[in-house]
Amino acid sequence: MVVDPLGGTRRRRDRLFIMAEILDVAREGVLKTQIMYRANLSFAQLNEYLSLLLDLKLLKMVTSSDKTHYETTDKGLRYLQSYQAIRELLKKGKHNSSDEANSLYLVKRGSQVICSKGPF
């Protein structure tokens, strides 16, 4: 399960968090309804996210017998690892904000986002 490492109760889940949650649920291959219930999505939301994740090749559809399963691809697993690493960096940055020397920052330079220790 993808847990919010920043702590506290989440009122709203952002798009990247929901994508990570779906990919985490689908690691072993699951039915569409299982994704919907485990990721707490409406049917409309589920279809939107499945379409996006399939287009991005983060998720694959596997048809066997008369059932269709969804599985996280290798690219999807890399997304999950990167997502969790970024959340961990943000968590560390939040708790170490008084220690400026060890703080990490995500900085947008043009179309790239880089990780920097600062100062800028």
PDB file of N, CA and C in Angstrom:
ATOM      1  N   MET A   1       0.828  -1.182   0.000  1.00  0.00           N
ATOM      2  CA  MET A   1       0.000   0.000   0.000  1.00  0.00           C
ATOM      3  C   MET A   1       0.874   1.247   0.000  1.00  0.00           C
ATOM      4  N   VAL A   2       0.520   2.215  -0.808  1.00  0.00           N
ATOM      5  CA  VAL A   2       1.252   3.474  -0.854  1.00  0.00           C
ATOM      6  C   VAL A   2       0.768   4.332   0.302  1.00  0.00           C
ATOM      7  N   VAL A   3       1.691   4.702   1.177  1.00  0.00           N
ATOM      8  CA  VAL A   3       1.353   5.473   2.366  1.00  0.00           C
ATOM      9  C   VAL A   3       1.892   6.874   2.207  1.00  0.00           C
ATOM     10  N   ASP A   4       1.153   7.840   2.704  1.00  0.00           N
ATOM     11  CA  ASP A   4       1.619   9.219   2.664  1.00  0.00           C
ATOM     12  C   ASP A   4       2.718   9.413   3.699  1.00  0.00           C
ATOM     13  N   PRO A   5       3.991   9.499   3.263  1.00  0.00           N
ATOM     14  CA  PRO A   5       5.088   9.622   4.215  1.00  0.00           C
ATOM     15  C   PRO A   5       5.149  10.987   4.876  1.00  0.00           C
ATOM     16  N   LEU A   6       4.385  11.947   4.391  1.00  0.00           N
ATOM     17  CA  LEU A   6       4.408  13.264   5.017  1.00  0.00           C
ATOM     18  C   LEU A   6       3.552  13.296   6.269  1.00  0.00           C
ATOM     19  N   GLY A   7       2.863  12.185   6.522  1.00  0.00           N
ATOM     20  CA  GLY A   7       2.098  12.056   7.748  1.00  0.00           C
ATOM     21  C   GLY A   7       0.781  12.800   7.695  1.00  0.00           C
ATOM     22  N   GLY A   8       0.047  12.655   8.760  1.00  0.00           N
ATOM     23  CA  GLY A   8      -1.238  13.334   8.852  1.00  0.00           C
ATOM     24  C   GLY A   8      -2.287  12.660   7.993  1.00  0.00           C
ATOM     25  N   THR A   9      -3.485  13.133   8.148  1.00  0.00           N
ATOM     26  CA  THR A   9      -4.562  12.585   7.329  1.00  0.00           C
ATOM     27  C   THR A   9      -4.640  13.386   6.039  1.00  0.00           C
ATOM     28  N   ARG A  10      -4.803  12.657   4.972  1.00  0.00           N
ATOM     29  CA  ARG A  10      -4.898  13.304   3.667  1.00  0.00           C
ATOM     30  C   ARG A  10      -6.358  13.623   3.384  1.00  0.00           C
ATOM     31  N   ARG A  11      -6.640  14.851   3.097  1.00  0.00           N
ATOM     32  CA  ARG A  11      -8.001  15.227   2.744  1.00  0.00           C
ATOM     33  C   ARG A  11      -8.248  14.942   1.272  1.00  0.00           C
ATOM     34  N   ARG A  12      -7.310  15.305   0.435  1.00  0.00           N
ATOM     35  CA  ARG A  12      -7.443  15.088  -0.999  1.00  0.00           C
ATOM     36  C   ARG A  12      -6.200  14.371  -1.500  1.00  0.00           C
ATOM     37  N   ARG A  13      -6.406  13.421  -2.365  1.00  0.00           N
ATOM     38  CA  ARG A  13      -5.268  12.728  -2.964  1.00  0.00           C
ATOM     39  C   ARG A  13      -4.970  13.404  -4.293  1.00  0.00           C
ATOM     40  N   ASP A  14      -3.705  13.678  -4.542  1.00  0.00           N
ATOM     41  CA  ASP A  14      -3.368  14.267  -5.831  1.00  0.00           C
ATOM     42  C   ASP A  14      -3.287  13.181  -6.898  1.00  0.00           C
ATOM     43  N   ARG A  15      -3.206  13.603  -8.123  1.00  0.00           N
ATOM     44  CA  ARG A  15      -3.222  12.696  -9.266  1.00  0.00           C
ATOM     45  C   ARG A  15      -2.076  11.684  -9.234  1.00  0.00           C
ATOM     46  N   LEU A  16      -0.890  12.160  -8.878  1.00  0.00           N
ATOM     47  CA  LEU A  16       0.281  11.279  -8.834  1.00  0.00           C
ATOM     48  C   LEU A  16       0.140  10.223  -7.746  1.00  0.00           C
ATOM     49  N   PHE A  17      -0.469  10.602  -6.619  1.00  0.00           N
ATOM     50  CA  PHE A  17      -0.690   9.660  -5.525  1.00  0.00           C
ATOM     51  C   PHE A  17      -1.677   8.576  -5.953  1.00  0.00           C
ATOM     52  N   ILE A  18      -2.757   8.970  -6.618  1.00  0.00           N
ATOM     53  CA  ILE A  18      -3.760   8.001  -7.086  1.00  0.00           C
ATOM     54  C   ILE A  18      -3.141   7.057  -8.109  1.00  0.00           C
ATOM     55  N   MET A  19      -2.323   7.585  -9.010  1.00  0.00           N
ATOM     56  CA  MET A  19      -1.650   6.734  -9.991  1.00  0.00           C
ATOM     57  C   MET A  19      -0.756   5.723  -9.285  1.00  0.00           C
ATOM     58  N   ALA A  20      -0.018   6.167  -8.281  1.00  0.00           N
ATOM     59  CA  ALA A  20       0.866   5.270  -7.532  1.00  0.00           C
ATOM     60  C   ALA A  20       0.050   4.215  -6.795  1.00  0.00           C
ATOM     61  N   GLU A  21      -1.088   4.614  -6.254  1.00  0.00           N
ATOM     62  CA  GLU A  21      -1.940   3.674  -5.545  1.00  0.00           C
ATOM     63  C   GLU A  21      -2.449   2.573  -6.482  1.00  0.00           C
ATOM     64  N   ILE A  22      -2.883   2.956  -7.670  1.00  0.00           N
ATOM     65  CA  ILE A  22      -3.372   1.981  -8.659  1.00  0.00           C
ATOM     66  C   ILE A  22      -2.250   1.030  -9.059  1.00  0.00           C
ATOM     67  N   LEU A  23      -1.073   1.575  -9.327  1.00  0.00           N
ATOM     68  CA  LEU A  23       0.060   0.745  -9.730  1.00  0.00           C
ATOM     69  C   LEU A  23       0.470  -0.211  -8.614  1.00  0.00           C
ATOM     70  N   ASP A  24       0.379   0.245  -7.387  1.00  0.00           N
ATOM     71  CA  ASP A  24       0.717  -0.607  -6.246  1.00  0.00           C
ATOM     72  C   ASP A  24      -0.294  -1.753  -6.121  1.00  0.00           C
ATOM     73  N   VAL A  25      -1.557  -1.455  -6.281  1.00  0.00           N
ATOM     74  CA  VAL A  25      -2.611  -2.470  -6.203  1.00  0.00           C
ATOM     75  C   VAL A  25      -2.445  -3.513  -7.307  1.00  0.00           C
ATOM     76  N   ALA A  26      -2.009  -3.071  -8.482  1.00  0.00           N
ATOM     77  CA  ALA A  26      -1.948  -3.953  -9.649  1.00  0.00           C
ATOM     78  C   ALA A  26      -0.609  -4.683  -9.812  1.00  0.00           C
ATOM     79  N   ARG A  27       0.244  -4.649  -8.829  1.00  0.00           N
ATOM     80  CA  ARG A  27       1.557  -5.313  -8.940  1.00  0.00           C
ATOM     81  C   ARG A  27       1.439  -6.777  -9.337  1.00  0.00           C
ATOM     82  N   GLU A  28       0.527  -7.501  -8.743  1.00  0.00           N
ATOM     83  CA  GLU A  28       0.392  -8.940  -8.978  1.00  0.00           C
ATOM     84  C   GLU A  28      -0.669  -9.276 -10.023  1.00  0.00           C
ATOM     85  N   GLY A  29      -1.333  -8.281 -10.545  1.00  0.00           N
ATOM     86  CA  GLY A  29      -2.406  -8.512 -11.497  1.00  0.00           C
ATOM     87  C   GLY A  29      -3.746  -8.609 -10.797  1.00  0.00           C
ATOM     88  N   VAL A  30      -4.650  -7.705 -11.098  1.00  0.00           N
ATOM     89  CA  VAL A  30      -5.957  -7.665 -10.446  1.00  0.00           C
ATOM     90  C   VAL A  30      -7.049  -7.321 -11.448  1.00  0.00           C
ATOM     91  N   LEU A  31      -8.277  -7.613 -11.055  1.00  0.00           N
ATOM     92  CA  LEU A  31      -9.431  -7.255 -11.863  1.00  0.00           C
ATOM     93  C   LEU A  31      -9.742  -5.766 -11.700  1.00  0.00           C
ATOM     94  N   LYS A  32     -10.476  -5.235 -12.658  1.00  0.00           N
ATOM     95  CA  LYS A  32     -10.838  -3.826 -12.660  1.00  0.00           C
ATOM     96  C   LYS A  32     -11.580  -3.434 -11.369  1.00  0.00           C
ATOM     97  N   THR A  33     -12.516  -4.272 -10.945  1.00  0.00           N
ATOM     98  CA  THR A  33     -13.291  -3.950  -9.741  1.00  0.00           C
ATOM     99  C   THR A  33     -12.416  -3.937  -8.495  1.00  0.00           C
ATOM    100  N   GLN A  34     -11.406  -4.807  -8.457  1.00  0.00           N
ATOM    101  CA  GLN A  34     -10.497  -4.825  -7.307  1.00  0.00           C
ATOM    102  C   GLN A  34      -9.716  -3.515  -7.218  1.00  0.00           C
ATOM    103  N   ILE A  35      -9.285  -3.014  -8.376  1.00  0.00           N
ATOM    104  CA  ILE A  35      -8.575  -1.728  -8.390  1.00  0.00           C
ATOM    105  C   ILE A  35      -9.505  -0.633  -7.870  1.00  0.00           C
ATOM    106  N   MET A  36     -10.737  -0.639  -8.366  1.00  0.00           N
ATOM    107  CA  MET A  36     -11.709   0.393  -7.992  1.00  0.00           C
ATOM    108  C   MET A  36     -11.916   0.421  -6.475  1.00  0.00           C
ATOM    109  N   TYR A  37     -12.113  -0.739  -5.864  1.00  0.00           N
ATOM    110  CA  TYR A  37     -12.371  -0.788  -4.425  1.00  0.00           C
ATOM    111  C   TYR A  37     -11.121  -0.524  -3.593  1.00  0.00           C
ATOM    112  N   ARG A  38      -9.995  -1.105  -3.961  1.00  0.00           N
ATOM    113  CA  ARG A  38      -8.771  -0.938  -3.162  1.00  0.00           C
ATOM    114  C   ARG A  38      -8.208   0.476  -3.250  1.00  0.00           C
ATOM    115  N   ALA A  39      -8.379   1.122  -4.410  1.00  0.00           N
ATOM    116  CA  ALA A  39      -7.879   2.494  -4.570  1.00  0.00           C
ATOM    117  C   ALA A  39      -8.964   3.527  -4.245  1.00  0.00           C
ATOM    118  N   ASN A  40     -10.148   3.049  -3.860  1.00  0.00           N
ATOM    119  CA  ASN A  40     -11.255   3.920  -3.473  1.00  0.00           C
ATOM    120  C   ASN A  40     -11.591   4.945  -4.563  1.00  0.00           C
ATOM    121  N   LEU A  41     -11.913   4.436  -5.751  1.00  0.00           N
ATOM    122  CA  LEU A  41     -12.239   5.281  -6.899  1.00  0.00           C
ATOM    123  C   LEU A  41     -13.653   5.008  -7.375  1.00  0.00           C
ATOM    124  N   SER A  42     -14.272   6.012  -7.971  1.00  0.00           N
ATOM    125  CA  SER A  42     -15.556   5.801  -8.627  1.00  0.00           C
ATOM    126  C   SER A  42     -15.290   5.102  -9.958  1.00  0.00           C
ATOM    127  N   PHE A  43     -16.341   4.589 -10.575  1.00  0.00           N
ATOM    128  CA  PHE A  43     -16.186   3.900 -11.854  1.00  0.00           C
ATOM    129  C   PHE A  43     -15.648   4.858 -12.923  1.00  0.00           C
ATOM    130  N   ALA A  44     -16.139   6.087 -12.926  1.00  0.00           N
ATOM    131  CA  ALA A  44     -15.674   7.082 -13.902  1.00  0.00           C
ATOM    132  C   ALA A  44     -14.199   7.417 -13.684  1.00  0.00           C
ATOM    133  N   GLN A  45     -13.806   7.610 -12.426  1.00  0.00           N
ATOM    134  CA  GLN A  45     -12.400   7.896 -12.122  1.00  0.00           C
ATOM    135  C   GLN A  45     -11.519   6.720 -12.532  1.00  0.00           C
ATOM    136  N   LEU A  46     -11.967   5.519 -12.220  1.00  0.00           N
ATOM    137  CA  LEU A  46     -11.212   4.312 -12.552  1.00  0.00           C
ATOM    138  C   LEU A  46     -10.937   4.250 -14.044  1.00  0.00           C
ATOM    139  N   ASN A  47     -11.962   4.441 -14.859  1.00  0.00           N
ATOM    140  CA  ASN A  47     -11.788   4.384 -16.308  1.00  0.00           C
ATOM    141  C   ASN A  47     -10.828   5.444 -16.821  1.00  0.00           C
ATOM    142  N   GLU A  48     -10.900   6.646 -16.237  1.00  0.00           N
ATOM    143  CA  GLU A  48      -9.995   7.729 -16.636  1.00  0.00           C
ATOM    144  C   GLU A  48      -8.539   7.367 -16.326  1.00  0.00           C
ATOM    145  N   TYR A  49      -8.305   6.882 -15.105  1.00  0.00           N
ATOM    146  CA  TYR A  49      -6.941   6.537 -14.705  1.00  0.00           C
ATOM    147  C   TYR A  49      -6.414   5.313 -15.446  1.00  0.00           C
ATOM    148  N   LEU A  50      -7.253   4.304 -15.657  1.00  0.00           N
ATOM    149  CA  LEU A  50      -6.808   3.125 -16.403  1.00  0.00           C
ATOM    150  C   LEU A  50      -6.397   3.512 -17.820  1.00  0.00           C
ATOM    151  N   SER A  51      -7.191   4.347 -18.446  1.00  0.00           N
ATOM    152  CA  SER A  51      -6.869   4.803 -19.798  1.00  0.00           C
ATOM    153  C   SER A  51      -5.518   5.520 -19.820  1.00  0.00           C
ATOM    154  N   LEU A  52      -5.308   6.419 -18.876  1.00  0.00           N
ATOM    155  CA  LEU A  52      -4.056   7.169 -18.782  1.00  0.00           C
ATOM    156  C   LEU A  52      -2.868   6.235 -18.548  1.00  0.00           C
ATOM    157  N   LEU A  53      -2.999   5.337 -17.569  1.00  0.00           N
ATOM    158  CA  LEU A  53      -1.891   4.442 -17.222  1.00  0.00           C
ATOM    159  C   LEU A  53      -1.583   3.452 -18.350  1.00  0.00           C
ATOM    160  N   LEU A  54      -2.600   3.021 -19.072  1.00  0.00           N
ATOM    161  CA  LEU A  54      -2.374   2.138 -20.227  1.00  0.00           C
ATOM    162  C   LEU A  54      -1.674   2.903 -21.345  1.00  0.00           C
ATOM    163  N   ASP A  55      -2.095   4.142 -21.604  1.00  0.00           N
ATOM    164  CA  ASP A  55      -1.464   4.972 -22.642  1.00  0.00           C
ATOM    165  C   ASP A  55       0.003   5.242 -22.327  1.00  0.00           C
ATOM    166  N   LEU A  56       0.299   5.446 -21.046  1.00  0.00           N
ATOM    167  CA  LEU A  56       1.679   5.724 -20.619  1.00  0.00           C
ATOM    168  C   LEU A  56       2.518   4.456 -20.487  1.00  0.00           C
ATOM    169  N   LYS A  57       1.882   3.310 -20.689  1.00  0.00           N
ATOM    170  CA  LYS A  57       2.529   2.000 -20.589  1.00  0.00           C
ATOM    171  C   LYS A  57       3.064   1.720 -19.185  1.00  0.00           C
ATOM    172  N   LEU A  58       2.373   2.273 -18.185  1.00  0.00           N
ATOM    173  CA  LEU A  58       2.695   1.992 -16.796  1.00  0.00           C
ATOM    174  C   LEU A  58       1.903   0.783 -16.299  1.00  0.00           C
ATOM    175  N   LEU A  59       0.851   0.464 -17.035  1.00  0.00           N
ATOM    176  CA  LEU A  59      -0.052  -0.633 -16.710  1.00  0.00           C
ATOM    177  C   LEU A  59      -0.326  -1.394 -17.994  1.00  0.00           C
ATOM    178  N   LYS A  60      -0.514  -2.706 -17.883  1.00  0.00           N
ATOM    179  CA  LYS A  60      -0.858  -3.498 -19.067  1.00  0.00           C
ATOM    180  C   LYS A  60      -2.111  -4.309 -18.779  1.00  0.00           C
ATOM    181  N   MET A  61      -2.856  -4.560 -19.841  1.00  0.00           N
ATOM    182  CA  MET A  61      -4.079  -5.335 -19.750  1.00  0.00           C
ATOM    183  C   MET A  61      -3.760  -6.746 -20.222  1.00  0.00           C
ATOM    184  N   VAL A  62      -4.098  -7.742 -19.414  1.00  0.00           N
ATOM    185  CA  VAL A  62      -3.838  -9.135 -19.737  1.00  0.00           C
ATOM    186  C   VAL A  62      -5.172  -9.871 -19.755  1.00  0.00           C
ATOM    187  N   THR A  63      -5.513 -10.445 -20.917  1.00  0.00           N
ATOM    188  CA  THR A  63      -6.763 -11.177 -21.033  1.00  0.00           C
ATOM    189  C   THR A  63      -6.464 -12.663 -21.013  1.00  0.00           C
ATOM    190  N   SER A  64      -7.091 -13.367 -20.058  1.00  0.00           N
ATOM    191  CA  SER A  64      -6.957 -14.818 -19.978  1.00  0.00           C
ATOM    192  C   SER A  64      -8.343 -15.388 -19.744  1.00  0.00           C
ATOM    193  N   SER A  65      -8.650 -16.445 -20.455  1.00  0.00           N
ATOM    194  CA  SER A  65      -9.992 -17.032 -20.398  1.00  0.00           C
ATOM    195  C   SER A  65     -11.003 -15.958 -20.770  1.00  0.00           C
ATOM    196  N   ASP A  66     -11.902 -15.658 -19.856  1.00  0.00           N
ATOM    197  CA  ASP A  66     -12.913 -14.645 -20.133  1.00  0.00           C
ATOM    198  C   ASP A  66     -12.755 -13.413 -19.252  1.00  0.00           C
ATOM    199  N   LYS A  67     -11.625 -13.317 -18.535  1.00  0.00           N
ATOM    200  CA  LYS A  67     -11.410 -12.198 -17.616  1.00  0.00           C
ATOM    201  C   LYS A  67     -10.219 -11.353 -18.062  1.00  0.00           C
ATOM    202  N   THR A  68     -10.315 -10.081 -17.761  1.00  0.00           N
ATOM    203  CA  THR A  68      -9.240  -9.144 -18.064  1.00  0.00           C
ATOM    204  C   THR A  68      -8.613  -8.678 -16.760  1.00  0.00           C
ATOM    205  N   HIS A  69      -7.315  -8.887 -16.647  1.00  0.00           N
ATOM    206  CA  HIS A  69      -6.546  -8.452 -15.480  1.00  0.00           C
ATOM    207  C   HIS A  69      -5.687  -7.262 -15.877  1.00  0.00           C
ATOM    208  N   TYR A  70      -5.329  -6.476 -14.894  1.00  0.00           N
ATOM    209  CA  TYR A  70      -4.418  -5.350 -15.101  1.00  0.00           C
ATOM    210  C   TYR A  70      -3.183  -5.588 -14.254  1.00  0.00           C
ATOM    211  N   GLU A  71      -2.015  -5.402 -14.874  1.00  0.00           N
ATOM    212  CA  GLU A  71      -0.743  -5.613 -14.179  1.00  0.00           C
ATOM    213  C   GLU A  71       0.157  -4.409 -14.360  1.00  0.00           C
ATOM    214  N   THR A  72       0.907  -4.095 -13.324  1.00  0.00           N
ATOM    215  CA  THR A  72       1.889  -3.026 -13.384  1.00  0.00           C
ATOM    216  C   THR A  72       3.074  -3.485 -14.225  1.00  0.00           C
ATOM    217  N   THR A  73       3.500  -2.658 -15.163  1.00  0.00           N
ATOM    218  CA  THR A  73       4.642  -2.987 -16.023  1.00  0.00           C
ATOM    219  C   THR A  73       5.949  -2.639 -15.299  1.00  0.00           C
ATOM    220  N   ASP A  74       7.070  -2.996 -15.912  1.00  0.00           N
ATOM    221  CA  ASP A  74       8.375  -2.621 -15.350  1.00  0.00           C
ATOM    222  C   ASP A  74       8.496  -1.098 -15.268  1.00  0.00           C
ATOM    223  N   LYS A  75       7.998  -0.426 -16.294  1.00  0.00           N
ATOM    224  CA  LYS A  75       8.012   1.038 -16.291  1.00  0.00           C
ATOM    225  C   LYS A  75       7.159   1.568 -15.140  1.00  0.00           C
ATOM    226  N   GLY A  76       6.033   0.918 -14.880  1.00  0.00           N
ATOM    227  CA  GLY A  76       5.170   1.295 -13.763  1.00  0.00           C
ATOM    228  C   GLY A  76       5.848   1.089 -12.424  1.00  0.00           C
ATOM    229  N   LEU A  77       6.601   0.009 -12.299  1.00  0.00           N
ATOM    230  CA  LEU A  77       7.348  -0.245 -11.060  1.00  0.00           C
ATOM    231  C   LEU A  77       8.414   0.825 -10.842  1.00  0.00           C
ATOM    232  N   ARG A  78       9.058   1.258 -11.931  1.00  0.00           N
ATOM    233  CA  ARG A  78      10.047   2.341 -11.823  1.00  0.00           C
ATOM    234  C   ARG A  78       9.368   3.640 -11.383  1.00  0.00           C
ATOM    235  N   TYR A  79       8.149   3.891 -11.915  1.00  0.00           N
ATOM    236  CA  TYR A  79       7.377   5.062 -11.494  1.00  0.00           C
ATOM    237  C   TYR A  79       7.126   5.003  -9.980  1.00  0.00           C
ATOM    238  N   LEU A  80       6.707   3.832  -9.498  1.00  0.00           N
ATOM    239  CA  LEU A  80       6.434   3.677  -8.067  1.00  0.00           C
ATOM    240  C   LEU A  80       7.675   3.953  -7.224  1.00  0.00           C
ATOM    241  N   GLN A  81       8.816   3.415  -7.649  1.00  0.00           N
ATOM    242  CA  GLN A  81      10.060   3.631  -6.910  1.00  0.00           C
ATOM    243  C   GLN A  81      10.425   5.114  -6.893  1.00  0.00           C
ATOM    244  N   SER A  82      10.314   5.765  -8.039  1.00  0.00           N
ATOM    245  CA  SER A  82      10.646   7.193  -8.132  1.00  0.00           C
ATOM    246  C   SER A  82       9.681   8.027  -7.302  1.00  0.00           C
ATOM    247  N   TYR A  83       8.400   7.693  -7.382  1.00  0.00           N
ATOM    248  CA  TYR A  83       7.391   8.426  -6.616  1.00  0.00           C
ATOM    249  C   TYR A  83       7.681   8.324  -5.124  1.00  0.00           C
ATOM    250  N   GLN A  84       7.971   7.115  -4.654  1.00  0.00           N
ATOM    251  CA  GLN A  84       8.241   6.923  -3.229  1.00  0.00           C
ATOM    252  C   GLN A  84       9.536   7.627  -2.813  1.00  0.00           C
ATOM    253  N   ALA A  85      10.537   7.642  -3.690  1.00  0.00           N
ATOM    254  CA  ALA A  85      11.795   8.333  -3.376  1.00  0.00           C
ATOM    255  C   ALA A  85      11.571   9.837  -3.259  1.00  0.00           C
ATOM    256  N   ILE A  86      10.769  10.401  -4.150  1.00  0.00           N
ATOM    257  CA  ILE A  86      10.482  11.835  -4.094  1.00  0.00           C
ATOM    258  C   ILE A  86       9.697  12.171  -2.832  1.00  0.00           C
ATOM    259  N   ARG A  87       8.712  11.347  -2.494  1.00  0.00           N
ATOM    260  CA  ARG A  87       7.926  11.591  -1.276  1.00  0.00           C
ATOM    261  C   ARG A  87       8.834  11.525  -0.043  1.00  0.00           C
ATOM    262  N   GLU A  88       9.786  10.596  -0.059  1.00  0.00           N
ATOM    263  CA  GLU A  88      10.725  10.475   1.059  1.00  0.00           C
ATOM    264  C   GLU A  88      11.615  11.719   1.140  1.00  0.00           C
ATOM    265  N   LEU A  89      12.068  12.227   0.001  1.00  0.00           N
ATOM    266  CA  LEU A  89      12.866  13.456  -0.001  1.00  0.00           C
ATOM    267  C   LEU A  89      12.073  14.623   0.565  1.00  0.00           C
ATOM    268  N   LEU A  90      10.806  14.711   0.179  1.00  0.00           N
ATOM    269  CA  LEU A  90       9.964  15.798   0.671  1.00  0.00           C
ATOM    270  C   LEU A  90       9.731  15.666   2.173  1.00  0.00           C
ATOM    271  N   LYS A  91       9.578  14.432   2.625  1.00  0.00           N
ATOM    272  CA  LYS A  91       9.386  14.181   4.055  1.00  0.00           C
ATOM    273  C   LYS A  91      10.626  14.611   4.830  1.00  0.00           C
ATOM    274  N   LYS A  92      11.806  14.233   4.325  1.00  0.00           N
ATOM    275  CA  LYS A  92      13.051  14.607   4.991  1.00  0.00           C
ATOM    276  C   LYS A  92      13.228  16.111   4.982  1.00  0.00           C
ATOM    277  N   GLY A  93      12.904  16.746   3.861  1.00  0.00           N
ATOM    278  CA  GLY A  93      13.012  18.197   3.754  1.00  0.00           C
ATOM    279  C   GLY A  93      12.112  18.903   4.745  1.00  0.00           C
ATOM    280  N   LYS A  94      10.928  18.346   4.983  1.00  0.00           N
ATOM    281  CA  LYS A  94       9.959  18.946   5.920  1.00  0.00           C
ATOM    282  C   LYS A  94      10.462  18.837   7.353  1.00  0.00           C
ATOM    283  N   HIS A  95      11.020  17.692   7.725  1.00  0.00           N
ATOM    284  CA  HIS A  95      11.457  17.480   9.104  1.00  0.00           C
ATOM    285  C   HIS A  95      12.819  18.093   9.401  1.00  0.00           C
ATOM    286  N   ASN A  96      13.619  18.364   8.396  1.00  0.00           N
ATOM    287  CA  ASN A  96      14.958  18.922   8.597  1.00  0.00           C
ATOM    288  C   ASN A  96      15.037  20.368   8.139  1.00  0.00           C
ATOM    289  N   SER A  97      13.912  21.064   8.097  1.00  0.00           N
ATOM    290  CA  SER A  97      13.910  22.415   7.548  1.00  0.00           C
ATOM    291  C   SER A  97      14.808  23.370   8.335  1.00  0.00           C
ATOM    292  N   SER A  98      15.053  23.105   9.607  1.00  0.00           N
ATOM    293  CA  SER A  98      15.924  23.981  10.382  1.00  0.00           C
ATOM    294  C   SER A  98      17.397  23.737  10.066  1.00  0.00           C
ATOM    295  N   ASP A  99      17.717  22.577   9.537  1.00  0.00           N
ATOM    296  CA  ASP A  99      19.090  22.242   9.191  1.00  0.00           C
ATOM    297  C   ASP A  99      19.312  22.546   7.716  1.00  0.00           C
ATOM    298  N   GLU A 100      19.598  23.794   7.406  1.00  0.00           N
ATOM    299  CA  GLU A 100      19.694  24.264   6.017  1.00  0.00           C
ATOM    300  C   GLU A 100      20.757  23.511   5.212  1.00  0.00           C
ATOM    301  N   ALA A 101      21.841  23.083   5.851  1.00  0.00           N
ATOM    302  CA  ALA A 101      22.922  22.418   5.128  1.00  0.00           C
ATOM    303  C   ALA A 101      22.504  21.072   4.559  1.00  0.00           C
ATOM    304  N   ASN A 102      21.561  20.379   5.193  1.00  0.00           N
ATOM    305  CA  ASN A 102      21.140  19.063   4.736  1.00  0.00           C
ATOM    306  C   ASN A 102      19.841  19.076   3.951  1.00  0.00           C
ATOM    307  N   SER A 103      19.256  20.251   3.748  1.00  0.00           N
ATOM    308  CA  SER A 103      17.969  20.334   3.067  1.00  0.00           C
ATOM    309  C   SER A 103      18.120  20.102   1.571  1.00  0.00           C
ATOM    310  N   LEU A 104      17.137  19.421   1.014  1.00  0.00           N
ATOM    311  CA  LEU A 104      17.089  19.194  -0.423  1.00  0.00           C
ATOM    312  C   LEU A 104      15.912  19.962  -0.993  1.00  0.00           C
ATOM    313  N   TYR A 105      16.072  20.449  -2.212  1.00  0.00           N
ATOM    314  CA  TYR A 105      15.021  21.220  -2.860  1.00  0.00           C
ATOM    315  C   TYR A 105      14.765  20.656  -4.245  1.00  0.00           C
ATOM    316  N   LEU A 106      13.503  20.664  -4.655  1.00  0.00           N
ATOM    317  CA  LEU A 106      13.152  20.342  -6.025  1.00  0.00           C
ATOM    318  C   LEU A 106      12.992  21.675  -6.743  1.00  0.00           C
ATOM    319  N   VAL A 107      13.784  21.883  -7.780  1.00  0.00           N
ATOM    320  CA  VAL A 107      13.809  23.156  -8.480  1.00  0.00           C
ATOM    321  C   VAL A 107      13.471  22.929  -9.942  1.00  0.00           C
ATOM    322  N   LYS A 108      12.592  23.772 -10.488  1.00  0.00           N
ATOM    323  CA  LYS A 108      12.244  23.663 -11.898  1.00  0.00           C
ATOM    324  C   LYS A 108      13.132  24.609 -12.686  1.00  0.00           C
ATOM    325  N   ARG A 109      13.858  24.046 -13.647  1.00  0.00           N
ATOM    326  CA  ARG A 109      14.708  24.819 -14.546  1.00  0.00           C
ATOM    327  C   ARG A 109      14.247  24.529 -15.958  1.00  0.00           C
ATOM    328  N   GLY A 110      13.527  25.455 -16.564  1.00  0.00           N
ATOM    329  CA  GLY A 110      12.956  25.201 -17.889  1.00  0.00           C
ATOM    330  C   GLY A 110      11.916  24.108 -17.773  1.00  0.00           C
ATOM    331  N   SER A 111      12.095  23.046 -18.524  1.00  0.00           N
ATOM    332  CA  SER A 111      11.142  21.933 -18.471  1.00  0.00           C
ATOM    333  C   SER A 111      11.643  20.811 -17.568  1.00  0.00           C
ATOM    334  N   GLN A 112      12.786  20.995 -16.935  1.00  0.00           N
ATOM    335  CA  GLN A 112      13.354  19.955 -16.085  1.00  0.00           C
ATOM    336  C   GLN A 112      13.139  20.272 -14.603  1.00  0.00           C
ATOM    337  N   VAL A 113      12.958  19.230 -13.816  1.00  0.00           N
ATOM    338  CA  VAL A 113      12.914  19.375 -12.368  1.00  0.00           C
ATOM    339  C   VAL A 113      14.155  18.672 -11.833  1.00  0.00           C
ATOM    340  N   ILE A 114      14.954  19.428 -11.074  1.00  0.00           N
ATOM    341  CA  ILE A 114      16.195  18.860 -10.545  1.00  0.00           C
ATOM    342  C   ILE A 114      16.176  18.917  -9.025  1.00  0.00           C
ATOM    343  N   CYS A 115      16.980  18.074  -8.442  1.00  0.00           N
ATOM    344  CA  CYS A 115      17.122  18.043  -6.995  1.00  0.00           C
ATOM    345  C   CYS A 115      18.411  18.789  -6.655  1.00  0.00           C
ATOM    346  N   SER A 116      18.307  19.750  -5.753  1.00  0.00           N
ATOM    347  CA  SER A 116      19.468  20.561  -5.437  1.00  0.00           C
ATOM    348  C   SER A 116      19.543  20.792  -3.921  1.00  0.00           C
ATOM    349  N   LYS A 117      20.743  21.001  -3.430  1.00  0.00           N
ATOM    350  CA  LYS A 117      20.930  21.281  -2.013  1.00  0.00           C
ATOM    351  C   LYS A 117      20.859  22.789  -1.735  1.00  0.00           C
ATOM    352  N   GLY A 118      20.874  23.624  -2.790  1.00  0.00           N
ATOM    353  CA  GLY A 118      20.833  25.062  -2.588  1.00  0.00           C
ATOM    354  C   GLY A 118      22.227  25.558  -2.224  1.00  0.00           C
ATOM    355  N   PRO A 119      22.480  26.773  -1.951  1.00  0.00           N
ATOM    356  CA  PRO A 119      21.606  27.924  -2.220  1.00  0.00           C
ATOM    357  C   PRO A 119      21.507  28.205  -3.715  1.00  0.00           C
ATOM    358  N   PHE A 120      20.535  28.987  -4.064  1.00  0.00           N
ATOM    359  CA  PHE A 120      20.264  29.227  -5.480  1.00  0.00           C
ATOM    360  C   PHE A 120      20.815  30.556  -5.856  1.00  0.00           C
TER     361      PHE A 120
END
